[in-house]
């Protein structure tokens, strides 16, 4: 479902970066994050929160974003570090690392969700469901999601019995059944409590 419109700038200052993460609720693998600075005239009618798009749409948008963005960066924090510092801190760290990869320093940062920590001395603002309201956050959600899905697609071949190519590491029935039968792999997050969930939004 497409919102009426996505807004292009929160602070009124340029360049403004949007940040989002992907894989926070997964049972395995790293959490990915992206930071994106879009040009003021960026035009993309189908741009939306990555969860509202098909895989084909996300792939197409990834190419457009990476080609047309003023700057973008994608980073990840490993499952081992997630177990050490917790998923919230790992998600924020991944966003900081993605911001570090930008070829320019933004003057303002907008972040999806409700938790963040200062990055350098740049002012910032959190927006709950920001990926459905702000273009740069939506773009960041697409890059984080597609880069993580690409990683999962590669790792899937090591352990096809866990069905990661389809569940992306979330706690689907097939994933839980594989854990019950085969046990945890080296890619699983040991700090996550396994919840028996059979219907999830795979984002």
C-alpha atoms as a PDB file:
ATOM      1  CA  UNK A   1       0.000   0.000   0.000  1.00  0.00           C
ATOM      2  CA  UNK A   2       1.439   3.328  -1.065  1.00  0.00           C
ATOM      3  CA  UNK A   3       1.110   6.297   1.268  1.00  0.00           C
ATOM      4  CA  UNK A   4      -0.259   9.531  -0.155  1.00  0.00           C
ATOM      5  CA  UNK A   5       3.263  10.886  -0.373  1.00  0.00           C
ATOM      6  CA  UNK A   6       6.707  10.539   1.124  1.00  0.00           C
ATOM      7  CA  UNK A   7       8.235  13.733   2.407  1.00  0.00           C
ATOM      8  CA  UNK A   8      11.682  14.677   1.177  1.00  0.00           C
ATOM      9  CA  UNK A   9      13.192  16.658   4.037  1.00  0.00           C
ATOM     10  CA  UNK A  10      12.524  16.956   7.754  1.00  0.00           C
ATOM     11  CA  UNK A  11      15.065  19.518   8.928  1.00  0.00           C
ATOM     12  CA  UNK A  12      14.889  21.900   6.002  1.00  0.00           C
ATOM     13  CA  UNK A  13      18.661  21.622   5.749  1.00  0.00           C
ATOM     14  CA  UNK A  14      20.786  19.892   3.134  1.00  0.00           C
ATOM     15  CA  UNK A  15      22.366  17.422   3.027  1.00  0.00           C
ATOM     16  CA  UNK A  16      20.085  15.395   5.277  1.00  0.00           C
ATOM     17  CA  UNK A  17      20.680  11.640   5.724  1.00  0.00           C
ATOM     18  CA  UNK A  18      18.088   8.968   6.412  1.00  0.00           C
ATOM     19  CA  UNK A  19      18.989   5.801   8.349  1.00  0.00           C
ATOM     20  CA  UNK A  20      17.315   2.436   8.818  1.00  0.00           C
ATOM     21  CA  UNK A  21      18.241  -1.151   9.668  1.00  0.00           C
ATOM     22  CA  UNK A  22      17.221  -4.648   8.574  1.00  0.00           C
ATOM     23  CA  UNK A  23      17.373  -7.989  10.337  1.00  0.00           C
ATOM     24  CA  UNK A  24      16.879  -6.785  13.872  1.00  0.00           C
ATOM     25  CA  UNK A  25      14.341  -9.497  14.689  1.00  0.00           C
ATOM     26  CA  UNK A  26      16.135 -12.395  12.998  1.00  0.00           C
ATOM     27  CA  UNK A  27      17.452 -15.474  14.789  1.00  0.00           C
ATOM     28  CA  UNK A  28      20.667 -15.537  12.765  1.00  0.00           C
ATOM     29  CA  UNK A  29      23.202 -13.428  10.979  1.00  0.00           C
ATOM     30  CA  UNK A  30      24.245  -9.807  11.241  1.00  0.00           C
ATOM     31  CA  UNK A  31      22.040  -6.768  11.442  1.00  0.00           C
ATOM     32  CA  UNK A  32      22.470  -4.458   8.445  1.00  0.00           C
ATOM     33  CA  UNK A  33      21.941  -0.705   8.296  1.00  0.00           C
ATOM     34  CA  UNK A  34      22.043   1.939   5.604  1.00  0.00           C
ATOM     35  CA  UNK A  35      22.413   5.696   5.442  1.00  0.00           C
ATOM     36  CA  UNK A  36      21.241   7.601   2.370  1.00  0.00           C
ATOM     37  CA  UNK A  37      21.437  11.221   1.230  1.00  0.00           C
ATOM     38  CA  UNK A  38      19.034  11.813  -1.656  1.00  0.00           C
ATOM     39  CA  UNK A  39      19.128  14.775  -4.017  1.00  0.00           C
ATOM     40  CA  UNK A  40      16.400  17.380  -3.368  1.00  0.00           C
ATOM     41  CA  UNK A  41      14.774  16.597  -6.714  1.00  0.00           C
ATOM     42  CA  UNK A  42      14.787  12.805  -6.300  1.00  0.00           C
ATOM     43  CA  UNK A  43      11.701  11.443  -8.043  1.00  0.00           C
ATOM     44  CA  UNK A  44      10.474   7.905  -7.472  1.00  0.00           C
ATOM     45  CA  UNK A  45       6.711   7.357  -7.231  1.00  0.00           C
ATOM     46  CA  UNK A  46       6.959   3.767  -5.938  1.00  0.00           C
ATOM     47  CA  UNK A  47       9.487   4.536  -3.191  1.00  0.00           C
ATOM     48  CA  UNK A  48       8.104   3.233   0.098  1.00  0.00           C
ATOM     49  CA  UNK A  49       8.973   1.327   3.244  1.00  0.00           C
ATOM     50  CA  UNK A  50      10.755  -1.828   2.051  1.00  0.00           C
ATOM     51  CA  UNK A  51       8.168  -4.019   3.815  1.00  0.00           C
ATOM     52  CA  UNK A  52       5.470  -2.655   1.497  1.00  0.00           C
ATOM     53  CA  UNK A  53       7.340  -3.611  -1.675  1.00  0.00           C
ATOM     54  CA  UNK A  54       7.964  -6.810  -3.578  1.00  0.00           C
ATOM     55  CA  UNK A  55      11.439  -8.280  -3.925  1.00  0.00           C
ATOM     56  CA  UNK A  56      11.514  -7.205  -7.581  1.00  0.00           C
ATOM     57  CA  UNK A  57      10.525  -3.647  -6.669  1.00  0.00           C
ATOM     58  CA  UNK A  58      13.208  -3.513  -3.970  1.00  0.00           C
ATOM     59  CA  UNK A  59      15.853  -4.738  -6.381  1.00  0.00           C
ATOM     60  CA  UNK A  60      14.869  -2.130  -8.966  1.00  0.00           C
ATOM     61  CA  UNK A  61      14.810   0.629  -6.372  1.00  0.00           C
ATOM     62  CA  UNK A  62      18.171  -0.407  -4.971  1.00  0.00           C
ATOM     63  CA  UNK A  63      19.768   0.172  -8.357  1.00  0.00           C
ATOM     64  CA  UNK A  64      18.091   3.561  -8.722  1.00  0.00           C
ATOM     65  CA  UNK A  65      19.011   4.666  -5.197  1.00  0.00           C
ATOM     66  CA  UNK A  66      22.634   3.593  -5.479  1.00  0.00           C
ATOM     67  CA  UNK A  67      22.940   5.311  -8.846  1.00  0.00           C
ATOM     68  CA  UNK A  68      21.122   8.561  -8.046  1.00  0.00           C
ATOM     69  CA  UNK A  69      21.773   9.168  -4.348  1.00  0.00           C
ATOM     70  CA  UNK A  70      24.204  11.933  -3.477  1.00  0.00           C
ATOM     71  CA  UNK A  71      25.753   9.503  -1.007  1.00  0.00           C
ATOM     72  CA  UNK A  72      24.929   6.143   0.520  1.00  0.00           C
ATOM     73  CA  UNK A  73      26.531   3.626   2.836  1.00  0.00           C
ATOM     74  CA  UNK A  74      25.667   0.135   4.058  1.00  0.00           C
ATOM     75  CA  UNK A  75      27.244  -1.599   7.043  1.00  0.00           C
ATOM     76  CA  UNK A  76      26.607  -4.581   9.306  1.00  0.00           C
ATOM     77  CA  UNK A  77      27.322  -5.806  12.811  1.00  0.00           C
ATOM     78  CA  UNK A  78      27.930  -9.530  13.255  1.00  0.00           C
ATOM     79  CA  UNK A  79      25.810 -11.990  15.177  1.00  0.00           C
ATOM     80  CA  UNK A  80      28.712 -12.496  17.606  1.00  0.00           C
ATOM     81  CA  UNK A  81      28.737  -8.815  18.463  1.00  0.00           C
ATOM     82  CA  UNK A  82      24.945  -8.771  18.726  1.00  0.00           C
ATOM     83  CA  UNK A  83      25.280 -11.431  21.430  1.00  0.00           C
ATOM     84  CA  UNK A  84      27.833  -9.290  23.257  1.00  0.00           C
ATOM     85  CA  UNK A  85      26.234  -5.836  23.140  1.00  0.00           C
ATOM     86  CA  UNK A  86      22.533  -6.671  22.407  1.00  0.00           C
ATOM     87  CA  UNK A  87      20.541  -6.085  19.256  1.00  0.00           C
ATOM     88  CA  UNK A  88      19.560  -2.485  19.997  1.00  0.00           C
ATOM     89  CA  UNK A  89      23.153  -1.379  20.488  1.00  0.00           C
ATOM     90  CA  UNK A  90      24.225  -3.419  17.463  1.00  0.00           C
ATOM     91  CA  UNK A  91      21.550  -1.785  15.293  1.00  0.00           C
ATOM     92  CA  UNK A  92      22.658   1.687  16.338  1.00  0.00           C
ATOM     93  CA  UNK A  93      26.299   0.760  15.780  1.00  0.00           C
ATOM     94  CA  UNK A  94      25.463  -0.506  12.279  1.00  0.00           C
ATOM     95  CA  UNK A  95      23.778   2.822  11.492  1.00  0.00           C
ATOM     96  CA  UNK A  96      26.841   4.705  12.762  1.00  0.00           C
ATOM     97  CA  UNK A  97      29.081   2.550  10.570  1.00  0.00           C
ATOM     98  CA  UNK A  98      26.842   3.218   7.568  1.00  0.00           C
ATOM     99  CA  UNK A  99      27.038   6.953   8.233  1.00  0.00           C
ATOM    100  CA  UNK A 100      30.829   6.638   8.415  1.00  0.00           C
ATOM    101  CA  UNK A 101      30.782   5.368   4.829  1.00  0.00           C
ATOM    102  CA  UNK A 102      29.072   8.447   3.389  1.00  0.00           C
ATOM    103  CA  UNK A 103      31.323  10.494   1.126  1.00  0.00           C
ATOM    104  CA  UNK A 104      30.044  13.673   2.788  1.00  0.00           C
ATOM    105  CA  UNK A 105      28.946  14.567   6.295  1.00  0.00           C
ATOM    106  CA  UNK A 106      25.227  15.282   6.597  1.00  0.00           C
ATOM    107  CA  UNK A 107      24.070  18.347   8.497  1.00  0.00           C
ATOM    108  CA  UNK A 108      21.074  16.449   9.904  1.00  0.00           C
ATOM    109  CA  UNK A 109      20.114  12.784  10.378  1.00  0.00           C
ATOM    110  CA  UNK A 110      16.633  11.255  10.470  1.00  0.00           C
ATOM    111  CA  UNK A 111      16.329   7.723  11.841  1.00  0.00           C
ATOM    112  CA  UNK A 112      13.578   5.118  11.629  1.00  0.00           C
ATOM    113  CA  UNK A 113      12.317   4.032  15.041  1.00  0.00           C
ATOM    114  CA  UNK A 114      12.617   5.585  18.465  1.00  0.00           C
ATOM    115  CA  UNK A 115      16.197   4.946  19.596  1.00  0.00           C
ATOM    116  CA  UNK A 116      19.519   6.331  18.416  1.00  0.00           C
ATOM    117  CA  UNK A 117      22.766   7.687  19.807  1.00  0.00           C
ATOM    118  CA  UNK A 118      24.658  10.787  18.703  1.00  0.00           C
ATOM    119  CA  UNK A 119      26.898  10.361  15.685  1.00  0.00           C
ATOM    120  CA  UNK A 120      29.763  12.835  15.719  1.00  0.00           C
ATOM    121  CA  UNK A 121      28.203  16.224  16.451  1.00  0.00           C
ATOM    122  CA  UNK A 122      25.411  16.006  13.869  1.00  0.00           C
ATOM    123  CA  UNK A 123      21.867  16.718  15.142  1.00  0.00           C
ATOM    124  CA  UNK A 124      19.306  13.964  14.632  1.00  0.00           C
ATOM    125  CA  UNK A 125      15.667  13.014  15.057  1.00  0.00           C
ATOM    126  CA  UNK A 126      13.953   9.619  15.382  1.00  0.00           C
ATOM    127  CA  UNK A 127      10.693   8.947  13.559  1.00  0.00           C
ATOM    128  CA  UNK A 128       8.534   5.949  14.383  1.00  0.00           C
ATOM    129  CA  UNK A 129       7.490   4.384  11.056  1.00  0.00           C
ATOM    130  CA  UNK A 130       9.740   6.903   9.376  1.00  0.00           C
ATOM    131  CA  UNK A 131      10.351   4.511   6.483  1.00  0.00           C
ATOM    132  CA  UNK A 132       6.739   5.059   5.429  1.00  0.00           C
ATOM    133  CA  UNK A 133       6.951   8.847   5.646  1.00  0.00           C
ATOM    134  CA  UNK A 134      10.391  10.102   4.642  1.00  0.00           C
ATOM    135  CA  UNK A 135      12.076   9.376   1.331  1.00  0.00           C
ATOM    136  CA  UNK A 136      15.633   9.059   2.631  1.00  0.00           C
ATOM    137  CA  UNK A 137      14.605   6.652   5.402  1.00  0.00           C
ATOM    138  CA  UNK A 138      12.608   4.571   2.917  1.00  0.00           C
ATOM    139  CA  UNK A 139      15.647   4.481   0.632  1.00  0.00           C
ATOM    140  CA  UNK A 140      17.818   3.394   3.555  1.00  0.00           C
ATOM    141  CA  UNK A 141      15.351   0.658   4.450  1.00  0.00           C
ATOM    142  CA  UNK A 142      15.544  -0.682   0.895  1.00  0.00           C
ATOM    143  CA  UNK A 143      19.343  -0.723   0.831  1.00  0.00           C
ATOM    144  CA  UNK A 144      19.604  -2.341   4.260  1.00  0.00           C
ATOM    145  CA  UNK A 145      17.002  -4.969   3.355  1.00  0.00           C
ATOM    146  CA  UNK A 146      18.399  -5.848  -0.074  1.00  0.00           C
ATOM    147  CA  UNK A 147      22.010  -6.002   1.097  1.00  0.00           C
ATOM    148  CA  UNK A 148      21.068  -8.257   3.992  1.00  0.00           C
ATOM    149  CA  UNK A 149      18.902 -10.488   1.799  1.00  0.00           C
ATOM    150  CA  UNK A 150      21.819 -10.812  -0.607  1.00  0.00           C
ATOM    151  CA  UNK A 151      24.070 -11.930   2.251  1.00  0.00           C
ATOM    152  CA  UNK A 152      21.454 -14.424   3.487  1.00  0.00           C
ATOM    153  CA  UNK A 153      21.093 -15.818  -0.037  1.00  0.00           C
ATOM    154  CA  UNK A 154      24.787 -16.654  -0.061  1.00  0.00           C
ATOM    155  CA  UNK A 155      24.872 -18.171   3.451  1.00  0.00           C
ATOM    156  CA  UNK A 156      21.729 -20.197   2.686  1.00  0.00           C
ATOM    157  CA  UNK A 157      23.783 -22.552   0.525  1.00  0.00           C
ATOM    158  CA  UNK A 158      25.836 -23.613   3.548  1.00  0.00           C
ATOM    159  CA  UNK A 159      22.734 -24.800   5.404  1.00  0.00           C
ATOM    160  CA  UNK A 160      19.822 -25.212   2.955  1.00  0.00           C
ATOM    161  CA  UNK A 161      17.868 -27.250   5.497  1.00  0.00           C
ATOM    162  CA  UNK A 162      17.134 -24.050   7.464  1.00  0.00           C
ATOM    163  CA  UNK A 163      15.306 -22.480   4.483  1.00  0.00           C
ATOM    164  CA  UNK A 164      17.042 -19.118   4.972  1.00  0.00           C
ATOM    165  CA  UNK A 165      16.542 -18.214   1.317  1.00  0.00           C
ATOM    166  CA  UNK A 166      12.844 -17.888   2.098  1.00  0.00           C
ATOM    167  CA  UNK A 167      12.615 -17.014   5.801  1.00  0.00           C
ATOM    168  CA  UNK A 168      15.656 -14.666   5.785  1.00  0.00           C
ATOM    169  CA  UNK A 169      16.562 -15.865   9.274  1.00  0.00           C
ATOM    170  CA  UNK A 170      13.241 -15.066  10.939  1.00  0.00           C
ATOM    171  CA  UNK A 171      11.486 -17.492  13.275  1.00  0.00           C
ATOM    172  CA  UNK A 172       9.173 -19.168  10.785  1.00  0.00           C
ATOM    173  CA  UNK A 173       7.843 -22.673  11.352  1.00  0.00           C
ATOM    174  CA  UNK A 174      10.370 -24.161   8.905  1.00  0.00           C
ATOM    175  CA  UNK A 175      13.275 -22.370  10.549  1.00  0.00           C
ATOM    176  CA  UNK A 176      12.220 -23.420  14.045  1.00  0.00           C
ATOM    177  CA  UNK A 177      11.683 -27.018  12.929  1.00  0.00           C
ATOM    178  CA  UNK A 178      15.202 -27.076  11.458  1.00  0.00           C
ATOM    179  CA  UNK A 179      16.673 -25.733  14.704  1.00  0.00           C
ATOM    180  CA  UNK A 180      14.755 -28.354  16.694  1.00  0.00           C
ATOM    181  CA  UNK A 181      16.044 -31.101  14.395  1.00  0.00           C
ATOM    182  CA  UNK A 182      19.583 -29.977  13.513  1.00  0.00           C
ATOM    183  CA  UNK A 183      20.434 -27.532  16.303  1.00  0.00           C
ATOM    184  CA  UNK A 184      21.989 -24.093  15.988  1.00  0.00           C
ATOM    185  CA  UNK A 185      24.612 -23.219  13.397  1.00  0.00           C
ATOM    186  CA  UNK A 186      27.586 -20.922  13.845  1.00  0.00           C
ATOM    187  CA  UNK A 187      25.463 -18.144  12.313  1.00  0.00           C
ATOM    188  CA  UNK A 188      22.715 -18.203  14.934  1.00  0.00           C
ATOM    189  CA  UNK A 189      22.416 -15.523  17.609  1.00  0.00           C
ATOM    190  CA  UNK A 190      22.751 -17.297  20.927  1.00  0.00           C
ATOM    191  CA  UNK A 191      21.309 -14.410  22.936  1.00  0.00           C
ATOM    192  CA  UNK A 192      17.908 -14.584  21.223  1.00  0.00           C
ATOM    193  CA  UNK A 193      15.129 -16.482  22.972  1.00  0.00           C
ATOM    194  CA  UNK A 194      13.432 -18.741  20.483  1.00  0.00           C
ATOM    195  CA  UNK A 195       9.767 -17.864  20.035  1.00  0.00           C
ATOM    196  CA  UNK A 196       7.438 -20.263  18.300  1.00  0.00           C
ATOM    197  CA  UNK A 197       6.028 -17.967  15.633  1.00  0.00           C
ATOM    198  CA  UNK A 198       4.619 -19.215  12.366  1.00  0.00           C
ATOM    199  CA  UNK A 199       3.479 -16.003  10.713  1.00  0.00           C
ATOM    200  CA  UNK A 200       5.921 -13.121  10.517  1.00  0.00           C
ATOM    201  CA  UNK A 201       6.562 -10.006   8.498  1.00  0.00           C
ATOM    202  CA  UNK A 202       9.891 -10.964   6.915  1.00  0.00           C
ATOM    203  CA  UNK A 203      11.609  -7.566   6.916  1.00  0.00           C
END
